[in-house]
Amino acid sequence: MNKRKYLFVFLALVFVCVSAQTPNDGQPPVLAEIQPVDARFTDPSQPRFNFGISANIGSNYHHYTAGAVDGKTTTSFGFGLMSQVNFGMWAIRPEVHYDRIRGQHPNGLIATNNITVPLSLVLQAVDHSMGFAIGSDLFIGGFYSHRFSGTQGGVSIIFEYDSDLRLVEFFNRDEFGITWGFGFRAGPVRLGYTNRTALSNFTQRQNYVGAHIRNRTNYFTMTFMF
């Protein structure tokens, strides 16, 4: 009996406290104080689509799949177009680039001209409340690259295998791999870092220690977005 009495008194006190703090419109204070979700993720001023022009400069080196030594880094660069489909804090970023990829090789400097198509998933935090976009992003995805020409030691390299040219080193035209990086944006300008790690072999044949070559590219990226 005492327990029921104490429970009744407790419920009565709760009712009195809630009634004293309820606004005139009758809405409980807890509901009245609920705030909207962070405007960075629901801001209607965030465009559904972004487009941009990118420039990349950095380095590339040849990773050997066997052995303890990799090739020396060499300056590489590129430029291209980017697009982005925004879904709040998430986005999908398709791009297309021209890349001039270079790498040191025992038989001479290798330089190839490539068309590269990355496709990335983006996690972003962008604020539009100041009248312009400011924020940062992380991205990871995959890329495909096609080499349409190249040289080794200043001589055109051979992409198609010919059994009669046994002493010539052959290279694959197509490459695919993983791309990842991050960026910081202020207004229309985005500055960032981009890594491209090839998962496919550049060389068609192994060297004397049984190693293939795979490209490892690191870029400083500048993008003008609109």
C-alpha atoms as a PDB file:
ATOM      1  CA  MET A   1       0.000   0.000   0.000  1.00  0.00           C
ATOM      2  CA  ASN A   2       2.837   2.366   0.892  1.00  0.00           C
ATOM      3  CA  LYS A   3       4.507   1.651  -2.453  1.00  0.00           C
ATOM      4  CA  ARG A   4       1.355   2.649  -4.357  1.00  0.00           C
ATOM      5  CA  LYS A   5       1.095   5.823  -2.297  1.00  0.00           C
ATOM      6  CA  TYR A   6       4.681   6.829  -3.052  1.00  0.00           C
ATOM      7  CA  LEU A   7       4.202   6.049  -6.759  1.00  0.00           C
ATOM      8  CA  PHE A   8       1.068   8.237  -6.877  1.00  0.00           C
ATOM      9  CA  VAL A   9       2.894  11.147  -5.202  1.00  0.00           C
ATOM     10  CA  PHE A  10       5.856  10.820  -7.615  1.00  0.00           C
ATOM     11  CA  LEU A  11       3.615  10.853 -10.721  1.00  0.00           C
ATOM     12  CA  ALA A  12       1.739  13.879  -9.356  1.00  0.00           C
ATOM     13  CA  LEU A  13       5.003  15.796  -8.910  1.00  0.00           C
ATOM     14  CA  VAL A  14       6.135  14.933 -12.446  1.00  0.00           C
ATOM     15  CA  PHE A  15       2.798  16.150 -13.849  1.00  0.00           C
ATOM     16  CA  VAL A  16       3.073  19.462 -11.955  1.00  0.00           C
ATOM     17  CA  CYS A  17       6.661  20.064 -13.151  1.00  0.00           C
ATOM     18  CA  VAL A  18       5.831  19.338 -16.780  1.00  0.00           C
ATOM     19  CA  SER A  19       2.708  21.509 -16.669  1.00  0.00           C
ATOM     20  CA  ALA A  20       4.663  24.441 -15.219  1.00  0.00           C
ATOM     21  CA  GLN A  21       7.246  24.314 -18.039  1.00  0.00           C
ATOM     22  CA  THR A  22       4.886  23.687 -20.969  1.00  0.00           C
ATOM     23  CA  PRO A  23       4.697  26.634 -23.431  1.00  0.00           C
ATOM     24  CA  ASN A  24       1.438  28.428 -24.169  1.00  0.00           C
ATOM     25  CA  ASP A  25       0.871  26.372 -27.296  1.00  0.00           C
ATOM     26  CA  GLY A  26       0.754  23.253 -25.180  1.00  0.00           C
ATOM     27  CA  GLN A  27       3.819  21.694 -26.817  1.00  0.00           C
ATOM     28  CA  PRO A  28       6.065  19.805 -24.359  1.00  0.00           C
ATOM     29  CA  PRO A  29       9.452  21.546 -23.915  1.00  0.00           C
ATOM     30  CA  VAL A  30      11.381  18.515 -25.059  1.00  0.00           C
ATOM     31  CA  LEU A  31       9.663  18.653 -28.453  1.00  0.00           C
ATOM     32  CA  ALA A  32       9.870  22.437 -28.599  1.00  0.00           C
ATOM     33  CA  GLU A  33      13.647  22.361 -28.215  1.00  0.00           C
ATOM     34  CA  ILE A  34      14.374  19.785 -30.912  1.00  0.00           C
ATOM     35  CA  GLN A  35      16.697  21.353 -33.469  1.00  0.00           C
ATOM     36  CA  PRO A  36      16.914  20.485 -37.158  1.00  0.00           C
ATOM     37  CA  VAL A  37      19.684  18.215 -38.409  1.00  0.00           C
ATOM     38  CA  ASP A  38      23.029  19.907 -39.041  1.00  0.00           C
ATOM     39  CA  ALA A  39      22.552  22.298 -41.978  1.00  0.00           C
ATOM     40  CA  ARG A  40      25.772  21.071 -43.582  1.00  0.00           C
ATOM     41  CA  PHE A  41      23.970  17.853 -44.449  1.00  0.00           C
ATOM     42  CA  THR A  42      20.503  19.230 -45.272  1.00  0.00           C
ATOM     43  CA  ASP A  43      21.339  22.673 -46.703  1.00  0.00           C
ATOM     44  CA  PRO A  44      19.039  23.160 -49.704  1.00  0.00           C
ATOM     45  CA  SER A  45      21.644  25.483 -51.239  1.00  0.00           C
ATOM     46  CA  GLN A  46      23.969  22.513 -51.759  1.00  0.00           C
ATOM     47  CA  PRO A  47      23.778  21.721 -55.480  1.00  0.00           C
ATOM     48  CA  ARG A  48      22.877  18.233 -56.581  1.00  0.00           C
ATOM     49  CA  PHE A  49      25.655  18.322 -59.193  1.00  0.00           C
ATOM     50  CA  ASN A  50      29.159  19.811 -59.229  1.00  0.00           C
ATOM     51  CA  PHE A  51      31.541  20.060 -62.148  1.00  0.00           C
ATOM     52  CA  GLY A  52      35.150  21.107 -62.226  1.00  0.00           C
ATOM     53  CA  ILE A  53      38.494  21.363 -63.986  1.00  0.00           C
ATOM     54  CA  SER A  54      41.444  19.655 -62.287  1.00  0.00           C
ATOM     55  CA  ALA A  55      45.226  19.896 -62.549  1.00  0.00           C
ATOM     56  CA  ASN A  56      47.538  17.278 -61.018  1.00  0.00           C
ATOM     57  CA  ILE A  57      51.277  17.377 -60.401  1.00  0.00           C
ATOM     58  CA  GLY A  58      53.372  14.970 -58.381  1.00  0.00           C
ATOM     59  CA  SER A  59      55.452  11.845 -58.820  1.00  0.00           C
ATOM     60  CA  ASN A  60      55.299   8.227 -59.901  1.00  0.00           C
ATOM     61  CA  TYR A  61      57.541   5.258 -59.241  1.00  0.00           C
ATOM     62  CA  HIS A  62      57.672   1.623 -60.340  1.00  0.00           C
ATOM     63  CA  HIS A  63      56.764  -0.876 -57.654  1.00  0.00           C
ATOM     64  CA  TYR A  64      58.351  -4.303 -58.229  1.00  0.00           C
ATOM     65  CA  THR A  65      56.109  -7.188 -57.141  1.00  0.00           C
ATOM     66  CA  ALA A  66      59.149  -9.219 -56.026  1.00  0.00           C
ATOM     67  CA  GLY A  67      62.386  -8.099 -54.414  1.00  0.00           C
ATOM     68  CA  ALA A  68      63.104  -5.376 -51.879  1.00  0.00           C
ATOM     69  CA  VAL A  69      63.865  -2.430 -54.195  1.00  0.00           C
ATOM     70  CA  ASP A  70      61.425  -0.151 -56.051  1.00  0.00           C
ATOM     71  CA  GLY A  71      62.186   2.338 -58.814  1.00  0.00           C
ATOM     72  CA  LYS A  72      63.054   5.977 -58.199  1.00  0.00           C
ATOM     73  CA  THR A  73      60.313   8.600 -58.216  1.00  0.00           C
ATOM     74  CA  THR A  74      59.922  10.791 -61.274  1.00  0.00           C
ATOM     75  CA  THR A  75      57.776  13.862 -61.879  1.00  0.00           C
ATOM     76  CA  SER A  76      54.381  13.155 -63.412  1.00  0.00           C
ATOM     77  CA  PHE A  77      51.404  15.378 -64.147  1.00  0.00           C
ATOM     78  CA  GLY A  78      47.929  15.506 -65.615  1.00  0.00           C
ATOM     79  CA  PHE A  79      44.734  17.480 -66.050  1.00  0.00           C
ATOM     80  CA  GLY A  80      41.089  16.699 -66.625  1.00  0.00           C
ATOM     81  CA  LEU A  81      37.423  17.105 -65.825  1.00  0.00           C
ATOM     82  CA  MET A  82      35.515  16.084 -62.714  1.00  0.00           C
ATOM     83  CA  SER A  83      31.852  15.782 -61.862  1.00  0.00           C
ATOM     84  CA  GLN A  84      30.126  15.015 -58.583  1.00  0.00           C
ATOM     85  CA  VAL A  85      26.620  13.906 -57.653  1.00  0.00           C
ATOM     86  CA  ASN A  86      25.803  15.019 -54.092  1.00  0.00           C
ATOM     87  CA  PHE A  87      23.602  13.167 -51.605  1.00  0.00           C
ATOM     88  CA  GLY A  88      24.201  15.280 -48.507  1.00  0.00           C
ATOM     89  CA  MET A  89      27.308  14.044 -46.734  1.00  0.00           C
ATOM     90  CA  TRP A  90      27.880  11.390 -49.432  1.00  0.00           C
ATOM     91  CA  ALA A  91      28.703  11.865 -53.099  1.00  0.00           C
ATOM     92  CA  ILE A  92      29.756   9.963 -56.202  1.00  0.00           C
ATOM     93  CA  ARG A  93      32.627  11.483 -58.185  1.00  0.00           C
ATOM     94  CA  PRO A  94      33.269  10.380 -61.814  1.00  0.00           C
ATOM     95  CA  GLU A  95      36.318  11.931 -63.513  1.00  0.00           C
ATOM     96  CA  VAL A  96      38.324  11.732 -66.728  1.00  0.00           C
ATOM     97  CA  HIS A  97      41.985  12.798 -66.985  1.00  0.00           C
ATOM     98  CA  TYR A  98      44.947  12.944 -69.288  1.00  0.00           C
ATOM     99  CA  ASP A  99      48.063  11.701 -67.421  1.00  0.00           C
ATOM    100  CA  ARG A 100      51.711  11.892 -68.339  1.00  0.00           C
ATOM    101  CA  ILE A 101      53.125   9.075 -66.193  1.00  0.00           C
ATOM    102  CA  ARG A 102      56.900   8.696 -65.929  1.00  0.00           C
ATOM    103  CA  GLY A 103      59.136   6.223 -64.107  1.00  0.00           C
ATOM    104  CA  GLN A 104      62.821   5.374 -63.879  1.00  0.00           C
ATOM    105  CA  HIS A 105      63.784   2.016 -65.410  1.00  0.00           C
ATOM    106  CA  PRO A 106      67.187   0.255 -65.822  1.00  0.00           C
ATOM    107  CA  ASN A 107      66.731   0.363 -69.608  1.00  0.00           C
ATOM    108  CA  GLY A 108      65.818   4.065 -69.716  1.00  0.00           C
ATOM    109  CA  LEU A 109      63.203   6.526 -68.505  1.00  0.00           C
ATOM    110  CA  ILE A 110      59.670   5.356 -69.309  1.00  0.00           C
ATOM    111  CA  ALA A 111      57.003   7.962 -70.092  1.00  0.00           C
ATOM    112  CA  THR A 112      53.463   7.104 -71.158  1.00  0.00           C
ATOM    113  CA  ASN A 113      50.455   9.148 -72.248  1.00  0.00           C
ATOM    114  CA  ASN A 114      47.272   7.924 -70.610  1.00  0.00           C
ATOM    115  CA  ILE A 115      43.540   8.506 -70.458  1.00  0.00           C
ATOM    116  CA  THR A 116      42.479   7.737 -66.879  1.00  0.00           C
ATOM    117  CA  VAL A 117      38.908   7.356 -65.604  1.00  0.00           C
ATOM    118  CA  PRO A 118      38.518   7.306 -61.781  1.00  0.00           C
ATOM    119  CA  LEU A 119      35.196   6.678 -60.024  1.00  0.00           C
ATOM    120  CA  SER A 120      35.097   7.444 -56.294  1.00  0.00           C
ATOM    121  CA  LEU A 121      32.770   7.379 -53.300  1.00  0.00           C
ATOM    122  CA  VAL A 122      33.083  10.645 -51.334  1.00  0.00           C
ATOM    123  CA  LEU A 123      32.432  11.413 -47.663  1.00  0.00           C
ATOM    124  CA  GLN A 124      32.176  15.187 -47.269  1.00  0.00           C
ATOM    125  CA  ALA A 125      31.409  17.892 -44.706  1.00  0.00           C
ATOM    126  CA  VAL A 126      30.601  21.118 -46.556  1.00  0.00           C
ATOM    127  CA  ASP A 127      29.051  24.250 -45.018  1.00  0.00           C
ATOM    128  CA  HIS A 128      27.178  26.768 -47.202  1.00  0.00           C
ATOM    129  CA  SER A 129      25.947  29.024 -44.392  1.00  0.00           C
ATOM    130  CA  MET A 130      28.483  31.792 -45.124  1.00  0.00           C
ATOM    131  CA  GLY A 131      27.315  32.190 -48.704  1.00  0.00           C
ATOM    132  CA  PHE A 132      30.019  29.979 -50.191  1.00  0.00           C
ATOM    133  CA  ALA A 133      31.130  26.385 -49.766  1.00  0.00           C
ATOM    134  CA  ILE A 134      33.797  25.547 -47.214  1.00  0.00           C
ATOM    135  CA  GLY A 135      34.709  22.086 -45.983  1.00  0.00           C
ATOM    136  CA  SER A 136      36.673  18.913 -46.573  1.00  0.00           C
ATOM    137  CA  ASP A 137      36.248  15.452 -48.012  1.00  0.00           C
ATOM    138  CA  LEU A 138      37.673  11.934 -48.094  1.00  0.00           C
ATOM    139  CA  PHE A 139      37.320   9.648 -51.092  1.00  0.00           C
ATOM    140  CA  ILE A 140      38.116   6.113 -52.189  1.00  0.00           C
ATOM    141  CA  GLY A 141      37.350   4.289 -55.400  1.00  0.00           C
ATOM    142  CA  GLY A 142      38.780   2.629 -58.460  1.00  0.00           C
ATOM    143  CA  PHE A 143      40.303   3.753 -61.742  1.00  0.00           C
ATOM    144  CA  TYR A 144      40.897   2.484 -65.264  1.00  0.00           C
ATOM    145  CA  SER A 145      43.724   3.836 -67.423  1.00  0.00           C
ATOM    146  CA  HIS A 146      44.517   3.300 -71.113  1.00  0.00           C
ATOM    147  CA  ARG A 147      47.985   4.070 -72.493  1.00  0.00           C
ATOM    148  CA  PHE A 148      47.786   5.297 -76.059  1.00  0.00           C
ATOM    149  CA  SER A 149      51.521   5.966 -76.518  1.00  0.00           C
ATOM    150  CA  GLY A 150      54.815   5.976 -74.684  1.00  0.00           C
ATOM    151  CA  THR A 151      58.613   5.995 -74.867  1.00  0.00           C
ATOM    152  CA  GLN A 152      61.489   4.249 -73.130  1.00  0.00           C
ATOM    153  CA  GLY A 153      64.831   6.008 -73.327  1.00  0.00           C
ATOM    154  CA  GLY A 154      63.340   8.259 -76.016  1.00  0.00           C
ATOM    155  CA  VAL A 155      62.314   5.317 -78.230  1.00  0.00           C
ATOM    156  CA  SER A 156      58.676   4.339 -78.758  1.00  0.00           C
ATOM    157  CA  ILE A 157      57.732   1.386 -76.594  1.00  0.00           C
ATOM    158  CA  ILE A 158      55.962  -1.707 -77.872  1.00  0.00           C
ATOM    159  CA  PHE A 159      52.619  -2.689 -76.400  1.00  0.00           C
ATOM    160  CA  GLU A 160      51.800  -5.664 -78.649  1.00  0.00           C
ATOM    161  CA  TYR A 161      53.684  -8.899 -78.072  1.00  0.00           C
ATOM    162  CA  ASP A 162      55.765 -10.292 -80.961  1.00  0.00           C
ATOM    163  CA  SER A 163      57.537 -13.615 -80.392  1.00  0.00           C
ATOM    164  CA  ASP A 164      60.270 -12.644 -82.880  1.00  0.00           C
ATOM    165  CA  LEU A 165      61.317  -9.678 -80.666  1.00  0.00           C
ATOM    166  CA  ARG A 166      62.508 -11.725 -77.712  1.00  0.00           C
ATOM    167  CA  LEU A 167      64.864  -9.053 -76.325  1.00  0.00           C
ATOM    168  CA  VAL A 168      62.305  -6.262 -76.341  1.00  0.00           C
ATOM    169  CA  GLU A 169      60.403  -5.432 -73.164  1.00  0.00           C
ATOM    170  CA  PHE A 170      56.663  -5.358 -73.663  1.00  0.00           C
ATOM    171  CA  PHE A 171      54.129  -3.305 -71.754  1.00  0.00           C
ATOM    172  CA  ASN A 172      50.388  -3.555 -71.211  1.00  0.00           C
ATOM    173  CA  ARG A 173      48.197  -0.774 -72.532  1.00  0.00           C
ATOM    174  CA  ASP A 174      45.473  -1.114 -69.900  1.00  0.00           C
ATOM    175  CA  GLU A 175      45.732  -0.578 -66.164  1.00  0.00           C
ATOM    176  CA  PHE A 176      43.302  -0.620 -63.249  1.00  0.00           C
ATOM    177  CA  GLY A 177      43.668  -0.037 -59.545  1.00  0.00           C
ATOM    178  CA  ILE A 178      42.586   1.835 -56.404  1.00  0.00           C
ATOM    179  CA  THR A 179      42.454   5.598 -55.947  1.00  0.00           C
ATOM    180  CA  TRP A 180      42.047   7.430 -52.638  1.00  0.00           C
ATOM    181  CA  GLY A 181      42.781  10.799 -51.080  1.00  0.00           C
ATOM    182  CA  PHE A 182      41.393  13.864 -49.374  1.00  0.00           C
ATOM    183  CA  GLY A 183      40.744  17.536 -50.074  1.00  0.00           C
ATOM    184  CA  PHE A 184      39.890  20.917 -48.587  1.00  0.00           C
ATOM    185  CA  ARG A 185      37.500  23.350 -50.245  1.00  0.00           C
ATOM    186  CA  ALA A 186      37.003  27.103 -49.907  1.00  0.00           C
ATOM    187  CA  GLY A 187      34.578  28.626 -52.393  1.00  0.00           C
ATOM    188  CA  PRO A 188      35.160  27.194 -55.853  1.00  0.00           C
ATOM    189  CA  VAL A 189      38.749  26.069 -55.133  1.00  0.00           C
ATOM    190  CA  ARG A 190      39.554  22.585 -53.858  1.00  0.00           C
ATOM    191  CA  LEU A 191      43.102  21.553 -52.905  1.00  0.00           C
ATOM    192  CA  GLY A 192      43.896  17.935 -52.176  1.00  0.00           C
ATOM    193  CA  TYR A 193      46.018  14.818 -52.373  1.00  0.00           C
ATOM    194  CA  THR A 194      45.367  11.912 -54.762  1.00  0.00           C
ATOM    195  CA  ASN A 195      46.942   8.465 -54.731  1.00  0.00           C
ATOM    196  CA  ARG A 196      46.589   5.937 -57.538  1.00  0.00           C
ATOM    197  CA  THR A 197      47.821   2.417 -56.807  1.00  0.00           C
ATOM    198  CA  ALA A 198      47.826   0.053 -59.775  1.00  0.00           C
ATOM    199  CA  LEU A 199      46.694  -3.510 -59.118  1.00  0.00           C
ATOM    200  CA  SER A 200      47.495  -4.687 -62.655  1.00  0.00           C
ATOM    201  CA  ASN A 201      50.954  -5.246 -64.134  1.00  0.00           C
ATOM    202  CA  PHE A 202      52.628  -2.677 -66.374  1.00  0.00           C
ATOM    203  CA  THR A 203      55.052  -5.257 -67.796  1.00  0.00           C
ATOM    204  CA  GLN A 204      53.897  -8.314 -69.729  1.00  0.00           C
ATOM    205  CA  ARG A 205      56.891 -10.424 -68.678  1.00  0.00           C
ATOM    206  CA  GLN A 206      58.667 -10.860 -65.370  1.00  0.00           C
ATOM    207  CA  ASN A 207      62.234  -9.658 -64.885  1.00  0.00           C
ATOM    208  CA  TYR A 208      65.147 -11.877 -63.843  1.00  0.00           C
ATOM    209  CA  VAL A 209      63.944 -12.043 -60.205  1.00  0.00           C
ATOM    210  CA  GLY A 210      60.374 -12.857 -61.188  1.00  0.00           C
ATOM    211  CA  ALA A 211      58.976  -9.347 -60.639  1.00  0.00           C
ATOM    212  CA  HIS A 212      56.426  -7.328 -62.566  1.00  0.00           C
ATOM    213  CA  ILE A 213      56.195  -3.526 -62.512  1.00  0.00           C
ATOM    214  CA  ARG A 214      53.157  -1.674 -61.148  1.00  0.00           C
ATOM    215  CA  ASN A 215      52.751   2.104 -61.075  1.00  0.00           C
ATOM    216  CA  ARG A 216      52.388   4.083 -57.845  1.00  0.00           C
ATOM    217  CA  THR A 217      51.304   7.700 -58.450  1.00  0.00           C
ATOM    218  CA  ASN A 218      50.968  10.525 -55.916  1.00  0.00           C
ATOM    219  CA  TYR A 219      49.472  13.867 -56.938  1.00  0.00           C
ATOM    220  CA  PHE A 220      48.874  17.295 -55.479  1.00  0.00           C
ATOM    221  CA  THR A 221      45.477  18.204 -56.966  1.00  0.00           C
ATOM    222  CA  MET A 222      43.897  21.585 -57.572  1.00  0.00           C
ATOM    223  CA  THR A 223      40.311  21.759 -58.791  1.00  0.00           C
ATOM    224  CA  PHE A 224      38.166  24.725 -59.771  1.00  0.00           C
ATOM    225  CA  MET A 225      34.566  23.677 -59.056  1.00  0.00           C
ATOM    226  CA  PHE A 226      31.340  25.224 -60.312  1.00  0.00           C
END
